[in-house]
Protein backbone atom coordinates (compact mmCIF):
# COMPACT_ATOMS: atom_id res chain seq x y z
CA MET A 1 8.12 25.92 -7.40
CA THR A 2 4.63 25.62 -6.02
CA ILE A 3 3.23 22.19 -5.21
CA GLU A 4 6.27 20.46 -3.81
CA LYS A 5 5.36 16.87 -3.00
CA ILE A 6 2.79 14.36 -1.84
CA ASP A 7 3.64 12.23 1.18
CA TYR A 8 2.38 8.83 0.09
CA ASN A 9 2.79 7.48 3.62
CA LYS A 10 0.04 9.89 4.72
CA CYS A 11 -2.12 9.86 1.57
CA ILE A 12 -5.37 7.89 1.90
CA LYS A 13 -6.20 8.12 -1.85
CA CYS A 14 -9.43 10.06 -1.30
CA GLN A 15 -8.68 12.09 -4.48
CA LYS A 16 -10.04 15.33 -3.00
CA CYS A 17 -6.90 17.10 -4.23
CA ILE A 18 -7.50 15.93 -7.79
CA THR A 19 -11.13 17.01 -7.75
CA LEU A 20 -10.50 20.42 -6.18
CA CYS A 21 -7.49 21.59 -8.19
CA PRO A 22 -8.69 24.44 -10.45
CA MET A 23 -5.62 24.13 -12.67
CA ASP A 24 -5.79 20.33 -13.16
CA VAL A 25 -2.27 19.91 -11.77
CA LEU A 26 -2.94 16.53 -10.17
CA ARG A 27 -4.00 13.29 -11.82
CA ALA A 28 -4.84 9.82 -10.59
CA GLY A 29 -1.95 7.44 -10.98
CA GLU A 30 -1.62 3.77 -10.22
CA ASP A 31 -3.97 2.50 -7.54
CA ARG A 32 -5.84 5.88 -7.39
CA GLN A 33 -2.71 7.56 -6.00
CA PRO A 34 -2.59 11.31 -6.82
CA VAL A 35 0.36 12.31 -9.00
CA ILE A 36 1.73 15.81 -9.64
CA LYS A 37 1.35 15.88 -13.40
CA TYR A 38 1.57 19.58 -14.34
CA ARG A 39 3.57 21.22 -11.55
CA GLU A 40 4.27 24.32 -13.64
CA GLU A 41 0.53 25.09 -13.78
CA CYS A 42 0.13 25.26 -9.99
CA GLN A 43 -0.81 28.72 -8.73
CA SER A 44 -0.39 28.06 -5.01
CA CYS A 45 -4.11 28.37 -4.24
CA TYR A 46 -3.66 25.88 -1.36
CA LEU A 47 -6.98 24.11 -2.00
CA CYS A 48 -5.24 20.74 -2.10
CA PHE A 49 -3.28 21.52 1.07
CA PHE A 50 -6.21 22.79 3.15
CA GLU A 51 -8.69 20.13 2.04
CA CYS A 52 -6.37 17.14 2.40
CA PRO A 53 -7.67 15.24 5.44
CA THR A 54 -4.19 13.94 6.31
CA ARG A 55 -2.07 16.95 5.27
CA ALA A 56 -0.18 14.78 2.81
CA ILE A 57 0.50 17.65 0.37
CA LEU A 58 3.26 20.23 0.67
CA VAL A 59 2.83 23.53 -1.18
CA LYS A 60 5.63 26.10 -1.27
CA PRO A 61 4.66 29.56 -2.46
CA ASP A 62 7.53 30.70 -4.60
CA ARG A 63 5.72 33.03 -6.94
CA GLN A 64 7.24 36.41 -7.50
CA ALA A 65 5.07 39.49 -7.39
CA PRO A 66 4.52 41.06 -10.84
CA LEU A 67 6.59 44.12 -11.58
CA PHE A 68 4.71 47.33 -12.32
CA ASP A 69 5.98 50.79 -13.19
CA VAL A 70 4.92 53.25 -10.53
CA TYR A 71 4.53 56.86 -11.61
């Protein structure tokens, strides 16, 4: 899992996370509230996390390193 959740008690609906996401993971829901729409597309870039003025977004890096044959 990558983007874990949005704390709506902290979110001020600025939509920075929606605008910044390079993978279009987040969308505007009811009342301009950001919604995690395509969680599986998140690549843990942390743009949403670092640019959120209230730290309302939790990102958990759970990606596995690619496997390569070493000769």
